[in-house]
PDB file of N, CA and C in Angstrom:
ATOM      1  N   MET A   1     -13.620 -56.753  13.261  1.00  0.00           N
ATOM      2  CA  MET A   1     -13.022 -55.746  12.409  1.00  0.00           C
ATOM      3  C   MET A   1     -14.129 -54.765  12.028  1.00  0.00           C
ATOM      4  N   PRO A   2     -14.000 -53.504  12.446  1.00  0.00           N
ATOM      5  CA  PRO A   2     -15.049 -52.527  12.170  1.00  0.00           C
ATOM      6  C   PRO A   2     -15.181 -52.193  10.677  1.00  0.00           C
ATOM      7  N   GLU A   3     -16.419 -52.098  10.265  1.00  0.00           N
ATOM      8  CA  GLU A   3     -16.718 -51.650   8.901  1.00  0.00           C
ATOM      9  C   GLU A   3     -16.685 -50.130   8.894  1.00  0.00           C
ATOM     10  N   ILE A   4     -15.896 -49.546   7.982  1.00  0.00           N
ATOM     11  CA  ILE A   4     -15.813 -48.090   7.936  1.00  0.00           C
ATOM     12  C   ILE A   4     -16.602 -47.489   6.775  1.00  0.00           C
ATOM     13  N   SER A   5     -16.915 -48.311   5.761  1.00  0.00           N
ATOM     14  CA  SER A   5     -17.730 -47.822   4.653  1.00  0.00           C
ATOM     15  C   SER A   5     -18.272 -49.005   3.861  1.00  0.00           C
ATOM     16  N   ARG A   6     -19.344 -48.717   3.108  1.00  0.00           N
ATOM     17  CA  ARG A   6     -19.947 -49.732   2.237  1.00  0.00           C
ATOM     18  C   ARG A   6     -20.591 -49.000   1.066  1.00  0.00           C
ATOM     19  N   PHE A   7     -20.236 -49.404  -0.138  1.00  0.00           N
ATOM     20  CA  PHE A   7     -20.811 -48.790  -1.337  1.00  0.00           C
ATOM     21  C   PHE A   7     -20.698 -49.775  -2.483  1.00  0.00           C
ATOM     22  N   TYR A   8     -21.710 -49.803  -3.343  1.00  0.00           N
ATOM     23  CA  TYR A   8     -21.743 -50.699  -4.501  1.00  0.00           C
ATOM     24  C   TYR A   8     -21.330 -52.128  -4.131  1.00  0.00           C
ATOM     25  N   VAL A   9     -21.765 -52.590  -2.996  1.00  0.00           N
ATOM     26  CA  VAL A   9     -21.504 -53.929  -2.468  1.00  0.00           C
ATOM     27  C   VAL A   9     -20.014 -54.153  -2.138  1.00  0.00           C
ATOM     28  N   ILE A  10     -19.240 -53.081  -2.050  1.00  0.00           N
ATOM     29  CA  ILE A  10     -17.853 -53.155  -1.589  1.00  0.00           C
ATOM     30  C   ILE A  10     -17.872 -52.811  -0.103  1.00  0.00           C
ATOM     31  N   ILE A  11     -17.265 -53.661   0.707  1.00  0.00           N
ATOM     32  CA  ILE A  11     -17.205 -53.456   2.143  1.00  0.00           C
ATOM     33  C   ILE A  11     -15.772 -53.100   2.510  1.00  0.00           C
ATOM     34  N   VAL A  12     -15.609 -51.996   3.230  1.00  0.00           N
ATOM     35  CA  VAL A  12     -14.279 -51.530   3.630  1.00  0.00           C
ATOM     36  C   VAL A  12     -14.175 -51.623   5.149  1.00  0.00           C
ATOM     37  N   ARG A  13     -13.082 -52.237   5.627  1.00  0.00           N
ATOM     38  CA  ARG A  13     -12.895 -52.452   7.064  1.00  0.00           C
ATOM     39  C   ARG A  13     -11.470 -52.122   7.487  1.00  0.00           C
ATOM     40  N   MET A  14     -11.304 -51.932   8.800  1.00  0.00           N
ATOM     41  CA  MET A  14      -9.984 -51.810   9.420  1.00  0.00           C
ATOM     42  C   MET A  14      -9.967 -52.662  10.668  1.00  0.00           C
ATOM     43  N   PHE A  15      -8.842 -53.312  10.904  1.00  0.00           N
ATOM     44  CA  PHE A  15      -8.635 -54.075  12.142  1.00  0.00           C
ATOM     45  C   PHE A  15      -8.153 -53.144  13.244  1.00  0.00           C
ATOM     46  N   PHE A  16      -8.479 -53.457  14.481  1.00  0.00           N
ATOM     47  CA  PHE A  16      -7.906 -52.762  15.629  1.00  0.00           C
ATOM     48  C   PHE A  16      -6.461 -53.221  15.794  1.00  0.00           C
ATOM     49  N   GLY A  17      -5.535 -52.275  15.982  1.00  0.00           N
ATOM     50  CA  GLY A  17      -4.145 -52.605  16.264  1.00  0.00           C
ATOM     51  C   GLY A  17      -3.477 -53.441  15.185  1.00  0.00           C
ATOM     52  N   ASP A  18      -3.807 -53.230  13.934  1.00  0.00           N
ATOM     53  CA  ASP A  18      -3.270 -54.022  12.822  1.00  0.00           C
ATOM     54  C   ASP A  18      -1.813 -53.651  12.544  1.00  0.00           C
ATOM     55  N   HIS A  19      -1.132 -54.488  11.779  1.00  0.00           N
ATOM     56  CA  HIS A  19       0.284 -54.313  11.444  1.00  0.00           C
ATOM     57  C   HIS A  19       0.500 -53.151  10.479  1.00  0.00           C
ATOM     58  N   LEU A  20       1.715 -52.658  10.444  1.00  0.00           N
ATOM     59  CA  LEU A  20       2.104 -51.621   9.491  1.00  0.00           C
ATOM     60  C   LEU A  20       2.367 -52.241   8.132  1.00  0.00           C
ATOM     61  N   PRO A  21       2.308 -51.524   7.046  1.00  0.00           N
ATOM     62  CA  PRO A  21       2.016 -50.104   6.915  1.00  0.00           C
ATOM     63  C   PRO A  21       0.520 -49.836   7.093  1.00  0.00           C
ATOM     64  N   PRO A  22       0.146 -48.579   7.341  1.00  0.00           N
ATOM     65  CA  PRO A  22      -1.277 -48.247   7.456  1.00  0.00           C
ATOM     66  C   PRO A  22      -2.030 -48.708   6.205  1.00  0.00           C
ATOM     67  N   HIS A  23      -3.138 -49.396   6.430  1.00  0.00           N
ATOM     68  CA  HIS A  23      -3.875 -49.976   5.311  1.00  0.00           C
ATOM     69  C   HIS A  23      -5.327 -50.219   5.705  1.00  0.00           C
ATOM     70  N   PHE A  24      -6.121 -50.590   4.704  1.00  0.00           N
ATOM     71  CA  PHE A  24      -7.493 -51.013   4.951  1.00  0.00           C
ATOM     72  C   PHE A  24      -7.775 -52.260   4.130  1.00  0.00           C
ATOM     73  N   HIS A  25      -8.812 -52.962   4.519  1.00  0.00           N
ATOM     74  CA  HIS A  25      -9.231 -54.194   3.864  1.00  0.00           C
ATOM     75  C   HIS A  25     -10.529 -53.918   3.114  1.00  0.00           C
ATOM     76  N   ALA A  26     -10.670 -54.497   1.938  1.00  0.00           N
ATOM     77  CA  ALA A  26     -11.916 -54.355   1.180  1.00  0.00           C
ATOM     78  C   ALA A  26     -12.327 -55.719   0.647  1.00  0.00           C
ATOM     79  N   GLU A  27     -13.631 -55.913   0.570  1.00  0.00           N
ATOM     80  CA  GLU A  27     -14.185 -57.177   0.096  1.00  0.00           C
ATOM     81  C   GLU A  27     -15.276 -56.891  -0.928  1.00  0.00           C
ATOM     82  N   TYR A  28     -15.281 -57.709  -1.965  1.00  0.00           N
ATOM     83  CA  TYR A  28     -16.306 -57.590  -2.996  1.00  0.00           C
ATOM     84  C   TYR A  28     -16.456 -58.957  -3.645  1.00  0.00           C
ATOM     85  N   GLY A  29     -17.668 -59.466  -3.689  1.00  0.00           N
ATOM     86  CA  GLY A  29     -17.952 -60.719  -4.375  1.00  0.00           C
ATOM     87  C   GLY A  29     -17.087 -61.885  -3.933  1.00  0.00           C
ATOM     88  N   GLY A  30     -16.773 -61.960  -2.655  1.00  0.00           N
ATOM     89  CA  GLY A  30     -15.976 -63.066  -2.144  1.00  0.00           C
ATOM     90  C   GLY A  30     -14.472 -62.887  -2.317  1.00  0.00           C
ATOM     91  N   GLU A  31     -14.049 -61.807  -2.967  1.00  0.00           N
ATOM     92  CA  GLU A  31     -12.622 -61.531  -3.124  1.00  0.00           C
ATOM     93  C   GLU A  31     -12.229 -60.419  -2.163  1.00  0.00           C
ATOM     94  N   GLN A  32     -10.960 -60.425  -1.756  1.00  0.00           N
ATOM     95  CA  GLN A  32     -10.483 -59.443  -0.796  1.00  0.00           C
ATOM     96  C   GLN A  32      -9.183 -58.823  -1.258  1.00  0.00           C
ATOM     97  N   VAL A  33      -8.951 -57.577  -0.811  1.00  0.00           N
ATOM     98  CA  VAL A  33      -7.719 -56.871  -1.116  1.00  0.00           C
ATOM     99  C   VAL A  33      -7.344 -56.047   0.109  1.00  0.00           C
ATOM    100  N   ILE A  34      -6.052 -55.866   0.300  1.00  0.00           N
ATOM    101  CA  ILE A  34      -5.533 -54.972   1.330  1.00  0.00           C
ATOM    102  C   ILE A  34      -4.837 -53.833   0.594  1.00  0.00           C
ATOM    103  N   ILE A  35      -5.215 -52.595   0.927  1.00  0.00           N
ATOM    104  CA  ILE A  35      -4.711 -51.408   0.237  1.00  0.00           C
ATOM    105  C   ILE A  35      -3.926 -50.533   1.209  1.00  0.00           C
ATOM    106  N   ALA A  36      -2.704 -50.168   0.825  1.00  0.00           N
ATOM    107  CA  ALA A  36      -1.900 -49.232   1.613  1.00  0.00           C
ATOM    108  C   ALA A  36      -2.511 -47.835   1.500  1.00  0.00           C
ATOM    109  N   ILE A  37      -2.656 -47.157   2.615  1.00  0.00           N
ATOM    110  CA  ILE A  37      -3.272 -45.830   2.605  1.00  0.00           C
ATOM    111  C   ILE A  37      -2.347 -44.809   1.952  1.00  0.00           C
ATOM    112  N   GLU A  38      -1.064 -44.902   2.188  1.00  0.00           N
ATOM    113  CA  GLU A  38      -0.116 -43.892   1.712  1.00  0.00           C
ATOM    114  C   GLU A  38      -0.119 -43.736   0.195  1.00  0.00           C
ATOM    115  N   ASN A  39      -0.044 -44.867  -0.524  1.00  0.00           N
ATOM    116  CA  ASN A  39       0.055 -44.786  -1.994  1.00  0.00           C
ATOM    117  C   ASN A  39      -1.106 -45.471  -2.717  1.00  0.00           C
ATOM    118  N   LEU A  40      -2.058 -46.008  -1.956  1.00  0.00           N
ATOM    119  CA  LEU A  40      -3.254 -46.685  -2.483  1.00  0.00           C
ATOM    120  C   LEU A  40      -2.899 -47.860  -3.395  1.00  0.00           C
ATOM    121  N   ALA A  41      -1.785 -48.511  -3.114  1.00  0.00           N
ATOM    122  CA  ALA A  41      -1.367 -49.708  -3.847  1.00  0.00           C
ATOM    123  C   ALA A  41      -1.856 -50.949  -3.113  1.00  0.00           C
ATOM    124  N   ALA A  42      -2.160 -51.996  -3.871  1.00  0.00           N
ATOM    125  CA  ALA A  42      -2.569 -53.262  -3.274  1.00  0.00           C
ATOM    126  C   ALA A  42      -1.360 -53.918  -2.607  1.00  0.00           C
ATOM    127  N   ILE A  43      -1.526 -54.273  -1.342  1.00  0.00           N
ATOM    128  CA  ILE A  43      -0.492 -54.999  -0.612  1.00  0.00           C
ATOM    129  C   ILE A  43      -0.651 -56.485  -0.873  1.00  0.00           C
ATOM    130  N   SER A  44      -1.893 -56.923  -0.868  1.00  0.00           N
ATOM    131  CA  SER A  44      -2.178 -58.327  -1.183  1.00  0.00           C
ATOM    132  C   SER A  44      -3.622 -58.452  -1.645  1.00  0.00           C
ATOM    133  N   GLY A  45      -3.899 -59.529  -2.346  1.00  0.00           N
ATOM    134  CA  GLY A  45      -5.241 -59.794  -2.833  1.00  0.00           C
ATOM    135  C   GLY A  45      -5.563 -59.002  -4.089  1.00  0.00           C
ATOM    136  N   ARG A  46      -6.839 -59.127  -4.491  1.00  0.00           N
ATOM    137  CA  ARG A  46      -7.289 -58.431  -5.686  1.00  0.00           C
ATOM    138  C   ARG A  46      -8.804 -58.345  -5.674  1.00  0.00           C
ATOM    139  N   LEU A  47      -9.313 -57.393  -6.425  1.00  0.00           N
ATOM    140  CA  LEU A  47     -10.744 -57.272  -6.707  1.00  0.00           C
ATOM    141  C   LEU A  47     -10.891 -57.200  -8.214  1.00  0.00           C
ATOM    142  N   PRO A  48     -12.087 -57.491  -8.734  1.00  0.00           N
ATOM    143  CA  PRO A  48     -12.308 -57.299 -10.168  1.00  0.00           C
ATOM    144  C   PRO A  48     -12.002 -55.854 -10.553  1.00  0.00           C
ATOM    145  N   PRO A  49     -11.546 -55.617 -11.784  1.00  0.00           N
ATOM    146  CA  PRO A  49     -11.119 -54.271 -12.191  1.00  0.00           C
ATOM    147  C   PRO A  49     -12.132 -53.161 -11.911  1.00  0.00           C
ATOM    148  N   ARG A  50     -13.390 -53.376 -12.192  1.00  0.00           N
ATOM    149  CA  ARG A  50     -14.409 -52.331 -11.962  1.00  0.00           C
ATOM    150  C   ARG A  50     -14.520 -52.005 -10.477  1.00  0.00           C
ATOM    151  N   ALA A  51     -14.577 -53.027  -9.630  1.00  0.00           N
ATOM    152  CA  ALA A  51     -14.668 -52.809  -8.183  1.00  0.00           C
ATOM    153  C   ALA A  51     -13.402 -52.141  -7.663  1.00  0.00           C
ATOM    154  N   MET A  52     -12.250 -52.542  -8.166  1.00  0.00           N
ATOM    155  CA  MET A  52     -10.987 -51.939  -7.740  1.00  0.00           C
ATOM    156  C   MET A  52     -10.954 -50.460  -8.133  1.00  0.00           C
ATOM    157  N   GLY A  53     -11.435 -50.134  -9.316  1.00  0.00           N
ATOM    158  CA  GLY A  53     -11.486 -48.743  -9.746  1.00  0.00           C
ATOM    159  C   GLY A  53     -12.346 -47.890  -8.831  1.00  0.00           C
ATOM    160  N   LEU A  54     -13.519 -48.407  -8.462  1.00  0.00           N
ATOM    161  CA  LEU A  54     -14.404 -47.689  -7.549  1.00  0.00           C
ATOM    162  C   LEU A  54     -13.763 -47.530  -6.174  1.00  0.00           C
ATOM    163  N   LEU A  55     -13.109 -48.590  -5.709  1.00  0.00           N
ATOM    164  CA  LEU A  55     -12.450 -48.543  -4.406  1.00  0.00           C
ATOM    165  C   LEU A  55     -11.345 -47.488  -4.384  1.00  0.00           C
ATOM    166  N   ILE A  56     -10.518 -47.450  -5.401  1.00  0.00           N
ATOM    167  CA  ILE A  56      -9.428 -46.474  -5.454  1.00  0.00           C
ATOM    168  C   ILE A  56      -9.983 -45.057  -5.614  1.00  0.00           C
ATOM    169  N   GLU A  57     -11.047 -44.896  -6.372  1.00  0.00           N
ATOM    170  CA  GLU A  57     -11.693 -43.578  -6.483  1.00  0.00           C
ATOM    171  C   GLU A  57     -12.151 -43.100  -5.113  1.00  0.00           C
ATOM    172  N   TRP A  58     -12.813 -43.986  -4.365  1.00  0.00           N
ATOM    173  CA  TRP A  58     -13.285 -43.669  -3.018  1.00  0.00           C
ATOM    174  C   TRP A  58     -12.107 -43.342  -2.103  1.00  0.00           C
ATOM    175  N   ALA A  59     -11.071 -44.183  -2.134  1.00  0.00           N
ATOM    176  CA  ALA A  59      -9.917 -43.991  -1.254  1.00  0.00           C
ATOM    177  C   ALA A  59      -9.191 -42.686  -1.566  1.00  0.00           C
ATOM    178  N   THR A  60      -9.123 -42.315  -2.827  1.00  0.00           N
ATOM    179  CA  THR A  60      -8.489 -41.053  -3.213  1.00  0.00           C
ATOM    180  C   THR A  60      -9.249 -39.873  -2.611  1.00  0.00           C
ATOM    181  N   LEU A  61     -10.566 -39.934  -2.648  1.00  0.00           N
ATOM    182  CA  LEU A  61     -11.397 -38.862  -2.089  1.00  0.00           C
ATOM    183  C   LEU A  61     -11.274 -38.769  -0.568  1.00  0.00           C
ATOM    184  N   HIS A  62     -10.973 -39.895   0.080  1.00  0.00           N
ATOM    185  CA  HIS A  62     -11.009 -39.963   1.549  1.00  0.00           C
ATOM    186  C   HIS A  62      -9.665 -40.338   2.163  1.00  0.00           C
ATOM    187  N   GLN A  63      -8.573 -40.085   1.468  1.00  0.00           N
ATOM    188  CA  GLN A  63      -7.264 -40.524   1.949  1.00  0.00           C
ATOM    189  C   GLN A  63      -6.913 -39.915   3.318  1.00  0.00           C
ATOM    190  N   ALA A  64      -7.186 -38.643   3.519  1.00  0.00           N
ATOM    191  CA  ALA A  64      -6.900 -38.016   4.819  1.00  0.00           C
ATOM    192  C   ALA A  64      -7.741 -38.655   5.921  1.00  0.00           C
ATOM    193  N   GLU A  65      -9.002 -38.924   5.627  1.00  0.00           N
ATOM    194  CA  GLU A  65      -9.868 -39.584   6.608  1.00  0.00           C
ATOM    195  C   GLU A  65      -9.394 -40.995   6.908  1.00  0.00           C
ATOM    196  N   LEU A  66      -8.899 -41.687   5.900  1.00  0.00           N
ATOM    197  CA  LEU A  66      -8.365 -43.031   6.115  1.00  0.00           C
ATOM    198  C   LEU A  66      -7.177 -42.992   7.076  1.00  0.00           C
ATOM    199  N   HIS A  67      -6.314 -41.999   6.929  1.00  0.00           N
ATOM    200  CA  HIS A  67      -5.191 -41.844   7.866  1.00  0.00           C
ATOM    201  C   HIS A  67      -5.708 -41.628   9.286  1.00  0.00           C
ATOM    202  N   GLU A  68      -6.724 -40.777   9.440  1.00  0.00           N
ATOM    203  CA  GLU A  68      -7.307 -40.522  10.759  1.00  0.00           C
ATOM    204  C   GLU A  68      -7.912 -41.793  11.349  1.00  0.00           C
ATOM    205  N   ARG A  69      -8.637 -42.535  10.520  1.00  0.00           N
ATOM    206  CA  ARG A  69      -9.268 -43.778  11.000  1.00  0.00           C
ATOM    207  C   ARG A  69      -8.207 -44.803  11.402  1.00  0.00           C
ATOM    208  N   TRP A  70      -7.108 -44.854  10.641  1.00  0.00           N
ATOM    209  CA  TRP A  70      -6.017 -45.777  10.972  1.00  0.00           C
ATOM    210  C   TRP A  70      -5.455 -45.439  12.356  1.00  0.00           C
ATOM    211  N   GLU A  71      -5.239 -44.162  12.616  1.00  0.00           N
ATOM    212  CA  GLU A  71      -4.692 -43.754  13.919  1.00  0.00           C
ATOM    213  C   GLU A  71      -5.624 -44.188  15.046  1.00  0.00           C
ATOM    214  N   ARG A  72      -6.903 -43.984  14.874  1.00  0.00           N
ATOM    215  CA  ARG A  72      -7.869 -44.405  15.895  1.00  0.00           C
ATOM    216  C   ARG A  72      -7.817 -45.913  16.104  1.00  0.00           C
ATOM    217  N   ALA A  73      -7.893 -46.655  15.003  1.00  0.00           N
ATOM    218  CA  ALA A  73      -7.909 -48.116  15.106  1.00  0.00           C
ATOM    219  C   ALA A  73      -6.604 -48.644  15.701  1.00  0.00           C
ATOM    220  N   SER A  74      -5.472 -47.993  15.389  1.00  0.00           N
ATOM    221  CA  SER A  74      -4.197 -48.458  15.924  1.00  0.00           C
ATOM    222  C   SER A  74      -4.118 -48.278  17.436  1.00  0.00           C
ATOM    223  N   HIS A  75      -4.948 -47.390  17.978  1.00  0.00           N
ATOM    224  CA  HIS A  75      -5.027 -47.189  19.428  1.00  0.00           C
ATOM    225  C   HIS A  75      -6.239 -47.909  20.032  1.00  0.00           C
ATOM    226  N   HIS A  76      -6.769 -48.866  19.288  1.00  0.00           N
ATOM    227  CA  HIS A  76      -7.915 -49.681  19.715  1.00  0.00           C
ATOM    228  C   HIS A  76      -9.155 -48.843  20.007  1.00  0.00           C
ATOM    229  N   GLU A  77      -9.301 -47.731  19.264  1.00  0.00           N
ATOM    230  CA  GLU A  77     -10.500 -46.904  19.342  1.00  0.00           C
ATOM    231  C   GLU A  77     -11.358 -47.181  18.112  1.00  0.00           C
ATOM    232  N   ALA A  78     -12.656 -47.014  18.254  1.00  0.00           N
ATOM    233  CA  ALA A  78     -13.544 -47.200  17.106  1.00  0.00           C
ATOM    234  C   ALA A  78     -13.160 -46.204  16.020  1.00  0.00           C
ATOM    235  N   PRO A  79     -12.866 -46.681  14.810  1.00  0.00           N
ATOM    236  CA  PRO A  79     -12.411 -45.772  13.765  1.00  0.00           C
ATOM    237  C   PRO A  79     -13.491 -44.830  13.241  1.00  0.00           C
ATOM    238  N   GLY A  80     -14.742 -45.240  13.291  1.00  0.00           N
ATOM    239  CA  GLY A  80     -15.820 -44.409  12.766  1.00  0.00           C
ATOM    240  C   GLY A  80     -16.035 -44.655  11.274  1.00  0.00           C
ATOM    241  N   LYS A  81     -17.100 -44.126  10.777  1.00  0.00           N
ATOM    242  CA  LYS A  81     -17.512 -44.325   9.387  1.00  0.00           C
ATOM    243  C   LYS A  81     -16.935 -43.257   8.466  1.00  0.00           C
ATOM    244  N   ILE A  82     -16.817 -43.614   7.196  1.00  0.00           N
ATOM    245  CA  ILE A  82     -16.451 -42.694   6.126  1.00  0.00           C
ATOM    246  C   ILE A  82     -17.555 -42.781   5.086  1.00  0.00           C
ATOM    247  N   ASP A  83     -17.968 -41.644   4.567  1.00  0.00           N
ATOM    248  CA  ASP A  83     -19.049 -41.597   3.584  1.00  0.00           C
ATOM    249  C   ASP A  83     -18.720 -42.480   2.370  1.00  0.00           C
ATOM    250  N   PRO A  84     -19.738 -43.129   1.812  1.00  0.00           N
ATOM    251  CA  PRO A  84     -19.533 -43.934   0.603  1.00  0.00           C
ATOM    252  C   PRO A  84     -19.405 -43.035  -0.626  1.00  0.00           C
ATOM    253  N   LEU A  85     -19.136 -43.661  -1.751  1.00  0.00           N
ATOM    254  CA  LEU A  85     -19.172 -42.904  -3.005  1.00  0.00           C
ATOM    255  C   LEU A  85     -20.595 -42.421  -3.247  1.00  0.00           C
ATOM    256  N   PRO A  86     -20.748 -41.223  -3.811  1.00  0.00           N
ATOM    257  CA  PRO A  86     -22.107 -40.706  -4.059  1.00  0.00           C
ATOM    258  C   PRO A  86     -22.817 -41.502  -5.140  1.00  0.00           C
TER     259      PRO A  86
END
């Protein structure tokens, strides 16, 4: 599963050819969450509130890029990196 970003010890990944709806996976401190790209809602899992806040802030800034990366990954292409939070 390619890593698309890493910031504040939060790791963001996408699977190749993953199931719908378009989403990404994030990990922090041994906990994991799956976030829908369209509405940035948690599909499953959880992160601590502070980490979740940072993740959603990042995803809001990069939502269009997340859609692009999803399209690439759904076609088994390398999704590429997205800049971390500054």
